Amino acid sequence: MRIAGIIAEYNPFHNGHYYHIERTREETGADGIVCVISGHFTQRGEPALVDKWARTEMALQSGADVILELPTVFATGSAQYFARGGIATLQATGVIDHLSFGSETPQLELLQKIASILSQEPSLYKEHLIAHLKNGLSYPHARMQALLNYLKAIDPSSIERIEYILKQPNNILAIEYLQALQYWNFSISPLAIERLGTSYHEEQLNDRSSLSSATAIRKQVLSGNHFSRIKPYIPEHALSILNREIKNGKGPVMWENLSQTLLVLLRQATPQTLAHFPEMEIGLENRFLQAAYQSTTLTHLLEHVKTKRYTYTRLQRILCYILLGLTKEKQGRLIDDGPQYLRILGFSQTGQQILQQMKHHAALPLLTTIGKHTFSKQSQTFIDMLKLDLLASDLYTLAFPDVTRRTGNCDYYKQVIRI
């Protein structure tokens, strides 16, 4: 079988995702699609709109064949960690021929050129990178400026195009995917599918086509206008699943539902303890502590902490680390060791055949059920990584709108989704 892999969040699944899966089949001739998706918390540092099993069901009903969970430590990290975790997971299946990703710029050769410079880090590029970091720029901004400085010296004609590319979120992820493939010298063939419709961060629904950003769709759902307004932008079966989850009191899940929990954690913290969390620069811990005593909700908290230097996405990721107790030391150790298992969330009939192949070729154990036996004779990294996933689920359910649904241990009894 020819198998294509996709790394996504599907938060929620929409027409653009359906288009991507269909184009992937057409372009690669794939017999099956394996998707690696975020679990209960996303790369933007937010809880997913509905749980990972509902989003798995949406994807399977829309053409995906196997859904694997991206471990939480990668799903909640920076773009680099998110991409590396997703690529390593796909490679570990032992069955993936192609990696398909959405991109504002479908010029694969140009994206690979950028990825190659960032991977190889030529001495001139590295000099500029170090200088920008010393001047206080965040790593992503320092890297972009260093790359532009480097290109001014060797290929000034490409500056304008590359500067545009580096400002587009899907391009940034695409470059990270390509870097990971180059870094490990994996034989998976990359495929860039041009992203259609509105931009990734666009908050308004697209009135000119049926393709809108997940950001705009989430905004409508969170404001209560979910069904009539978003119906044109989501496949019917996915909308039905979203409707079901909301009616059952399991969505929409939002940060505000965890306000009290996070404010308790912050008011108990000290500058020293907060300094141990990833992406917490010197001085930022004091802004969080001050804001924790001035705020009554997470919205107020983020407004107090936000500056031009600190984006909402970064601040939300930090809140996610605090909620999960994920320190710099633990994050670094788990990421360095890479994914430790292939957690199967769901599969189709075709997916069942793919799983049979994975049983023979996978480099990591396949997990379909979780029990005490799961941890037996496993490494400490395996145990810590999986326990973080389980904790993410247990804390996520505390944000369900229906308080009677907020029980824990769901990973132990929830069945794999079969379509």
Protein backbone atom coordinates (compact mmCIF):
# COMPACT_ATOMS: atom_id res chain seq x y z
CA MET A 1 0.00 0.00 0.00
CA ARG A 2 1.06 3.59 -0.67
CA ILE A 3 0.49 5.61 2.52
CA ALA A 4 0.53 9.40 3.01
CA GLY A 5 0.95 11.09 6.37
CA ILE A 6 -0.57 14.35 7.64
CA ILE A 7 0.17 16.26 10.85
CA ALA A 8 -2.78 18.35 12.06
CA GLU A 9 -4.98 19.54 14.91
CA TYR A 10 -8.45 19.48 13.31
CA ASN A 11 -9.69 22.02 15.81
CA PRO A 12 -12.33 21.63 14.51
CA PHE A 13 -12.27 19.68 11.23
CA HIS A 14 -13.43 21.94 8.38
CA ASN A 15 -13.72 22.05 4.57
CA GLY A 16 -10.09 23.09 4.17
CA HIS A 17 -9.00 19.92 5.95
CA TYR A 18 -11.31 17.83 3.76
CA TYR A 19 -9.80 19.49 0.66
CA HIS A 20 -6.30 18.74 1.95
CA ILE A 21 -7.04 15.03 2.43
CA GLU A 22 -8.65 14.75 -1.01
CA ARG A 23 -5.79 16.58 -2.75
CA THR A 24 -3.28 14.42 -0.91
CA ARG A 25 -4.90 11.27 -2.31
CA GLU A 26 -4.95 12.75 -5.81
CA GLU A 27 -1.36 14.02 -5.77
CA THR A 28 0.25 10.95 -4.17
CA GLY A 29 -2.03 8.15 -5.36
CA ALA A 30 -2.20 7.09 -1.71
CA ASP A 31 -4.23 4.03 -0.75
CA GLY A 32 -4.46 5.28 2.82
CA ILE A 33 -4.00 8.40 4.98
CA VAL A 34 -2.41 8.35 8.44
CA CYS A 35 -2.96 11.51 10.49
CA VAL A 36 -1.07 12.54 13.61
CA ILE A 37 -3.21 14.96 15.60
CA SER A 38 -2.87 16.98 18.80
CA GLY A 39 -4.61 15.57 21.82
CA HIS A 40 -6.46 17.83 24.25
CA PHE A 41 -4.17 20.88 24.15
CA THR A 42 -2.90 22.53 20.98
CA GLN A 43 0.23 24.22 19.68
CA ARG A 44 -1.43 27.62 20.22
CA GLY A 45 -1.55 26.79 23.93
CA GLU A 46 -5.33 26.37 24.01
CA PRO A 47 -7.58 23.49 24.99
CA ALA A 48 -9.10 21.94 21.87
CA LEU A 49 -12.73 22.89 21.13
CA VAL A 50 -13.90 19.27 21.60
CA ASP A 51 -12.03 16.21 22.78
CA LYS A 52 -9.54 14.15 20.78
CA TRP A 53 -11.96 11.27 20.18
CA ALA A 54 -14.63 13.53 18.67
CA ARG A 55 -12.01 15.14 16.41
CA THR A 56 -10.75 11.67 15.49
CA GLU A 57 -14.27 10.70 14.47
CA MET A 58 -14.59 13.86 12.34
CA ALA A 59 -11.36 13.04 10.47
CA LEU A 60 -12.20 9.36 9.92
CA GLN A 61 -15.64 10.29 8.55
CA SER A 62 -13.85 12.67 6.16
CA GLY A 63 -11.37 10.31 4.54
CA ALA A 64 -8.56 9.70 7.05
CA ASP A 65 -7.75 6.05 7.76
CA VAL A 66 -5.62 5.97 10.92
CA ILE A 67 -5.49 8.65 13.62
CA LEU A 68 -2.50 8.74 15.98
CA GLU A 69 -2.16 11.09 18.94
CA LEU A 70 0.83 13.43 18.99
CA PRO A 71 2.17 13.23 22.56
CA THR A 72 1.28 16.29 24.63
CA VAL A 73 4.90 17.35 25.15
CA PHE A 74 5.20 17.88 21.36
CA ALA A 75 1.62 19.08 20.72
CA THR A 76 2.00 21.99 23.16
CA GLY A 77 5.52 23.00 22.13
CA SER A 78 6.90 25.56 19.71
CA ALA A 79 6.54 24.99 15.97
CA GLN A 80 9.92 23.23 15.91
CA TYR A 81 8.95 20.73 18.63
CA PHE A 82 5.47 20.21 17.17
CA ALA A 83 6.94 19.43 13.75
CA ARG A 84 9.70 17.16 15.03
CA GLY A 85 7.27 15.18 17.14
CA GLY A 86 4.87 14.76 14.24
CA ILE A 87 7.57 13.73 11.76
CA ALA A 88 9.19 11.30 14.21
CA THR A 89 5.78 9.74 14.91
CA LEU A 90 5.05 9.22 11.22
CA GLN A 91 8.51 7.79 10.58
CA ALA A 92 8.12 5.38 13.50
CA THR A 93 5.06 3.79 11.89
CA GLY A 94 7.35 2.30 9.27
CA VAL A 95 4.72 2.63 6.53
CA ILE A 96 4.68 6.29 5.41
CA ASP A 97 5.72 7.14 1.85
CA HIS A 98 4.67 10.82 1.68
CA LEU A 99 4.27 13.74 4.07
CA SER A 100 1.53 16.14 2.95
CA PHE A 101 1.20 19.59 4.50
CA GLY A 102 -0.68 22.79 3.77
CA SER A 103 1.34 25.84 2.82
CA GLU A 104 0.65 29.39 1.67
CA THR A 105 3.59 28.88 -0.70
CA PRO A 106 3.42 25.60 -2.65
CA GLN A 107 6.93 26.12 -4.09
CA LEU A 108 8.53 23.12 -2.43
CA GLU A 109 12.02 23.85 -3.77
CA LEU A 110 12.07 27.32 -2.18
CA LEU A 111 10.76 25.98 1.15
CA GLN A 112 13.45 23.29 1.09
CA LYS A 113 16.12 25.91 0.40
CA ILE A 114 15.09 27.84 3.52
CA ALA A 115 14.91 24.63 5.56
CA SER A 116 18.39 23.64 4.37
CA ILE A 117 19.93 26.95 5.52
CA LEU A 118 18.24 26.69 8.92
CA SER A 119 19.33 23.06 9.31
CA GLN A 120 22.95 23.51 8.22
CA GLU A 121 23.40 26.89 9.98
CA PRO A 122 26.24 28.32 7.85
CA SER A 123 28.77 30.31 9.89
CA LEU A 124 27.58 33.71 8.60
CA TYR A 125 23.96 32.86 9.43
CA LYS A 126 25.01 31.65 12.89
CA GLU A 127 26.90 34.88 13.60
CA HIS A 128 23.78 36.94 12.84
CA LEU A 129 21.59 34.58 14.90
CA ILE A 130 23.80 34.91 17.97
CA ALA A 131 23.91 38.70 17.59
CA HIS A 132 20.11 39.01 17.36
CA LEU A 133 19.62 36.73 20.37
CA LYS A 134 22.07 38.86 22.39
CA ASN A 135 20.02 41.92 21.40
CA GLY A 136 16.99 40.40 23.08
CA LEU A 137 15.00 39.04 20.14
CA SER A 138 13.01 35.86 20.70
CA TYR A 139 14.44 32.81 18.95
CA PRO A 140 11.86 32.75 16.09
CA HIS A 141 12.38 36.45 15.35
CA ALA A 142 16.15 36.20 15.71
CA ARG A 143 16.18 33.26 13.32
CA MET A 144 14.10 35.12 10.72
CA GLN A 145 16.34 38.19 10.89
CA ALA A 146 19.50 36.06 10.74
CA LEU A 147 18.19 34.27 7.67
CA LEU A 148 17.39 37.58 5.93
CA ASN A 149 20.83 38.96 6.83
CA TYR A 150 22.45 35.84 5.43
CA LEU A 151 20.46 36.00 2.19
CA LYS A 152 21.34 39.68 1.68
CA ALA A 153 24.94 38.54 1.42
CA ILE A 154 24.48 35.50 -0.84
CA ASP A 155 21.19 35.93 -2.72
CA PRO A 156 19.64 39.41 -2.29
CA SER A 157 17.14 38.80 -5.11
CA SER A 158 15.23 36.29 -2.96
CA ILE A 159 14.83 38.53 0.10
CA GLU A 160 11.34 39.85 -0.64
CA ARG A 161 9.86 36.42 -1.41
CA ILE A 162 11.45 34.75 1.59
CA GLU A 163 10.45 37.55 3.97
CA TYR A 164 6.82 37.01 2.89
CA ILE A 165 7.13 33.24 3.29
CA LEU A 166 8.49 33.54 6.83
CA LYS A 167 5.50 35.62 7.93
CA GLN A 168 2.95 32.94 7.02
CA PRO A 169 2.16 30.43 9.81
CA ASN A 170 1.62 27.40 7.59
CA ASN A 171 4.86 28.14 5.75
CA ILE A 172 6.70 28.24 9.07
CA LEU A 173 5.38 24.81 10.00
CA ALA A 174 6.15 23.51 6.50
CA ILE A 175 9.76 24.64 6.87
CA GLU A 176 9.96 22.93 10.27
CA TYR A 177 8.66 19.68 8.73
CA LEU A 178 11.25 19.89 5.97
CA GLN A 179 14.00 20.65 8.47
CA ALA A 180 13.07 17.57 10.48
CA LEU A 181 13.11 15.38 7.36
CA GLN A 182 16.53 16.76 6.41
CA TYR A 183 17.92 16.52 9.95
CA TRP A 184 17.11 12.82 10.26
CA ASN A 185 17.56 12.07 6.55
CA PHE A 186 14.19 10.33 6.43
CA SER A 187 13.09 8.94 3.06
CA ILE A 188 9.52 10.27 3.36
CA SER A 189 8.71 12.42 0.29
CA PRO A 190 7.28 15.88 1.12
CA LEU A 191 4.27 17.34 -0.70
CA ALA A 192 3.14 20.97 -0.30
CA ILE A 193 -0.58 21.57 -0.89
CA GLU A 194 -1.44 25.22 -1.44
CA ARG A 195 -3.73 26.53 1.27
CA LEU A 196 -6.93 28.09 -0.09
CA GLY A 197 -9.39 30.51 1.47
CA THR A 198 -8.66 33.06 4.20
CA SER A 199 -5.40 33.29 6.14
CA TYR A 200 -4.62 31.05 9.10
CA HIS A 201 -5.19 33.82 11.69
CA GLU A 202 -8.24 35.39 9.99
CA GLU A 203 -10.99 35.85 12.60
CA GLN A 204 -13.83 36.62 10.17
CA LEU A 205 -15.69 33.94 8.25
CA ASN A 206 -15.13 33.97 4.49
CA ASP A 207 -18.30 35.19 2.74
CA ARG A 208 -16.86 34.47 -0.72
CA SER A 209 -16.26 30.71 -0.42
CA SER A 210 -16.85 27.68 1.80
CA LEU A 211 -13.25 27.78 3.07
CA SER A 212 -12.66 29.64 6.32
CA SER A 213 -9.91 29.47 8.93
CA ALA A 214 -10.27 27.29 12.02
CA THR A 215 -9.66 30.49 14.03
CA ALA A 216 -12.78 32.15 12.56
CA ILE A 217 -14.85 28.98 13.06
CA ARG A 218 -13.73 28.62 16.69
CA LYS A 219 -14.59 32.26 17.33
CA GLN A 220 -18.15 31.66 16.14
CA VAL A 221 -18.53 28.48 18.19
CA LEU A 222 -17.20 30.13 21.35
CA SER A 223 -19.58 33.05 20.87
CA GLY A 224 -22.54 30.68 20.66
CA ASN A 225 -23.26 31.18 16.94
CA HIS A 226 -22.03 27.73 16.02
CA PHE A 227 -24.56 26.02 13.79
CA SER A 228 -26.21 28.54 11.48
CA ARG A 229 -23.02 30.56 10.90
CA ILE A 230 -20.46 27.78 10.51
CA LYS A 231 -22.59 25.26 8.59
CA PRO A 232 -21.21 26.29 5.13
CA TYR A 233 -17.61 25.77 6.30
CA ILE A 234 -17.70 22.32 7.94
CA PRO A 235 -18.54 18.94 6.35
CA GLU A 236 -22.00 17.76 7.39
CA HIS A 237 -20.80 14.75 9.38
CA ALA A 238 -18.18 16.83 11.23
CA LEU A 239 -20.79 19.47 12.08
CA SER A 240 -23.08 16.72 13.38
CA ILE A 241 -20.33 15.44 15.70
CA LEU A 242 -19.57 18.97 16.92
CA ASN A 243 -23.28 19.52 17.55
CA ARG A 244 -23.50 16.25 19.48
CA GLU A 245 -20.54 17.12 21.73
CA ILE A 246 -21.95 20.56 22.54
CA LYS A 247 -25.42 19.16 23.26
CA ASN A 248 -23.83 16.57 25.55
CA GLY A 249 -22.09 19.31 27.55
CA LYS A 250 -18.59 18.32 26.38
CA GLY A 251 -17.94 21.44 24.36
CA PRO A 252 -17.03 24.01 23.50
CA VAL A 253 -14.04 23.78 25.83
CA MET A 254 -12.29 27.10 26.47
CA TRP A 255 -9.52 28.50 28.66
CA GLU A 256 -11.98 30.53 30.71
CA ASN A 257 -13.42 27.31 32.16
CA LEU A 258 -9.99 26.69 33.71
CA SER A 259 -9.53 30.25 35.04
CA GLN A 260 -9.90 29.36 38.72
CA THR A 261 -7.55 26.38 38.46
CA LEU A 262 -4.80 28.43 36.81
CA LEU A 263 -5.22 31.43 39.09
CA VAL A 264 -4.84 29.11 42.09
CA LEU A 265 -1.62 27.69 40.62
CA LEU A 266 -0.25 31.16 39.85
CA ARG A 267 -1.10 32.66 43.24
CA GLN A 268 0.62 29.72 44.94
CA ALA A 269 3.72 30.13 42.77
CA THR A 270 6.93 32.07 43.37
CA PRO A 271 9.17 33.79 40.82
CA GLN A 272 11.63 30.93 41.28
CA THR A 273 9.11 28.18 40.52
CA LEU A 274 7.66 30.02 37.50
CA ALA A 275 11.15 30.55 36.06
CA HIS A 276 11.42 26.78 35.55
CA PHE A 277 8.67 26.68 32.90
CA PRO A 278 9.48 26.67 29.15
CA GLU A 279 9.44 29.98 27.24
CA MET A 280 9.46 31.96 30.52
CA GLU A 281 12.06 34.69 29.93
CA ILE A 282 13.68 36.56 32.80
CA GLY A 283 11.21 39.11 34.15
CA LEU A 284 8.15 37.53 32.55
CA GLU A 285 7.49 35.44 35.68
CA ASN A 286 7.00 38.68 37.64
CA ARG A 287 4.45 39.93 35.11
CA PHE A 288 2.50 36.68 35.51
CA LEU A 289 2.54 36.90 39.30
CA GLN A 290 1.48 40.53 39.37
CA ALA A 291 -1.31 39.85 36.87
CA ALA A 292 -2.51 36.82 38.86
CA TYR A 293 -3.42 39.10 41.77
CA GLN A 294 -4.99 41.76 39.56
CA SER A 295 -7.10 39.39 37.43
CA THR A 296 -10.29 37.44 37.96
CA THR A 297 -10.29 35.59 34.62
CA LEU A 298 -7.68 34.30 32.19
CA THR A 299 -8.77 36.89 29.64
CA HIS A 300 -7.90 39.64 32.13
CA LEU A 301 -4.67 37.85 33.03
CA LEU A 302 -3.49 37.64 29.41
CA GLU A 303 -4.40 41.28 28.80
CA HIS A 304 -2.23 42.31 31.77
CA VAL A 305 0.77 40.20 30.70
CA LYS A 306 0.58 40.80 26.92
CA THR A 307 3.16 43.09 25.27
CA LYS A 308 4.52 43.40 21.72
CA ARG A 309 7.32 41.06 22.78
CA TYR A 310 5.03 38.36 24.18
CA THR A 311 2.31 37.07 21.86
CA TYR A 312 -0.95 35.59 23.11
CA THR A 313 0.06 32.23 21.63
CA ARG A 314 3.29 32.15 23.61
CA LEU A 315 1.59 33.26 26.83
CA GLN A 316 -1.11 30.62 26.41
CA ARG A 317 1.55 27.95 25.89
CA ILE A 318 3.20 29.04 29.14
CA LEU A 319 -0.16 28.74 30.92
CA CYS A 320 -0.46 25.27 29.44
CA TYR A 321 2.97 24.30 30.83
CA ILE A 322 2.01 25.65 34.26
CA LEU A 323 -1.29 23.74 34.23
CA LEU A 324 0.47 20.49 33.29
CA GLY A 325 3.47 21.05 35.53
CA LEU A 326 5.71 20.69 32.48
CA THR A 327 9.08 22.24 33.43
CA LYS A 328 11.94 23.15 31.09
CA GLU A 329 13.96 20.19 32.37
CA LYS A 330 11.14 17.69 31.81
CA GLN A 331 10.16 19.09 28.40
CA GLY A 332 13.76 19.03 27.20
CA ARG A 333 14.35 15.48 28.40
CA LEU A 334 11.17 14.09 26.82
CA ILE A 335 11.64 15.91 23.52
CA ASP A 336 15.28 14.85 23.24
CA ASP A 337 14.27 11.19 23.62
CA GLY A 338 11.53 11.51 20.97
CA PRO A 339 8.09 9.84 20.83
CA GLN A 340 7.97 6.59 22.80
CA TYR A 341 4.78 5.00 21.45
CA LEU A 342 2.13 5.18 18.74
CA ARG A 343 -1.17 5.95 20.45
CA ILE A 344 -4.01 4.85 18.15
CA LEU A 345 -7.15 6.96 18.55
CA GLY A 346 -9.13 5.51 15.64
CA PHE A 347 -9.10 3.79 12.27
CA SER A 348 -11.25 2.96 9.24
CA GLN A 349 -11.55 -0.37 7.39
CA THR A 350 -8.60 0.62 5.23
CA GLY A 351 -6.89 1.77 8.39
CA GLN A 352 -7.18 -1.75 9.81
CA GLN A 353 -5.01 -2.99 6.93
CA ILE A 354 -2.51 -0.19 7.57
CA LEU A 355 -2.33 -1.16 11.25
CA GLN A 356 -1.52 -4.72 10.25
CA GLN A 357 1.45 -3.37 8.31
CA MET A 358 2.45 -1.16 11.23
CA LYS A 359 2.53 -4.16 13.56
CA HIS A 360 5.29 -5.62 11.40
CA HIS A 361 7.23 -2.44 10.61
CA ALA A 362 6.70 0.07 13.44
CA ALA A 363 9.73 1.13 15.47
CA LEU A 364 7.58 1.95 18.53
CA PRO A 365 4.90 0.02 20.45
CA LEU A 366 1.30 0.49 19.30
CA LEU A 367 -1.13 1.49 22.06
CA THR A 368 -4.84 0.81 21.60
CA THR A 369 -5.80 0.51 25.26
CA ILE A 370 -4.37 2.01 28.44
CA GLY A 371 -4.11 0.05 31.67
CA LYS A 372 -1.66 -0.74 34.45
CA HIS A 373 -0.03 -3.24 32.10
CA THR A 374 0.82 -0.40 29.70
CA PHE A 375 3.55 0.91 32.00
CA SER A 376 5.08 -2.48 32.79
CA LYS A 377 8.76 -2.86 31.84
CA GLN A 378 8.82 0.53 30.08
CA SER A 379 11.48 3.25 30.24
CA GLN A 380 11.06 6.26 32.51
CA THR A 381 10.72 8.46 29.42
CA PHE A 382 7.85 6.30 28.12
CA ILE A 383 6.11 6.45 31.52
CA ASP A 384 6.55 10.21 31.94
CA MET A 385 5.43 10.98 28.37
CA LEU A 386 2.28 8.87 28.61
CA LYS A 387 1.41 10.10 32.10
CA LEU A 388 1.56 13.66 30.75
CA ASP A 389 -0.98 12.68 28.07
CA LEU A 390 -3.24 11.14 30.72
CA LEU A 391 -2.93 14.23 32.94
CA ALA A 392 -3.80 16.46 29.97
CA SER A 393 -7.03 14.49 29.52
CA ASP A 394 -7.90 14.60 33.22
CA LEU A 395 -7.42 18.37 33.40
CA TYR A 396 -9.14 18.96 30.07
CA THR A 397 -12.39 17.34 31.27
CA LEU A 398 -12.49 19.86 34.15
CA ALA A 399 -13.29 22.48 31.48
CA PHE A 400 -16.40 20.67 30.14
CA PRO A 401 -19.45 22.99 30.33
CA ASP A 402 -21.51 20.22 31.98
CA VAL A 403 -20.08 19.68 35.48
CA THR A 404 -21.40 16.10 35.56
CA ARG A 405 -19.05 15.25 32.67
CA ARG A 406 -15.91 16.34 34.52
CA THR A 407 -14.81 12.91 35.68
CA GLY A 408 -11.25 11.70 35.10
CA ASN A 409 -9.41 8.60 33.85
CA CYS A 410 -11.17 8.76 30.46
CA ASP A 411 -8.09 7.38 28.67
CA TYR A 412 -8.50 4.13 30.59
CA TYR A 413 -12.03 3.37 29.44
CA LYS A 414 -12.48 5.25 26.15
CA GLN A 415 -12.55 2.86 23.19
CA VAL A 416 -10.63 3.33 19.95
CA ILE A 417 -12.92 4.90 17.31
CA ARG A 418 -13.74 2.49 14.46
CA ILE A 419 -15.43 3.66 11.27
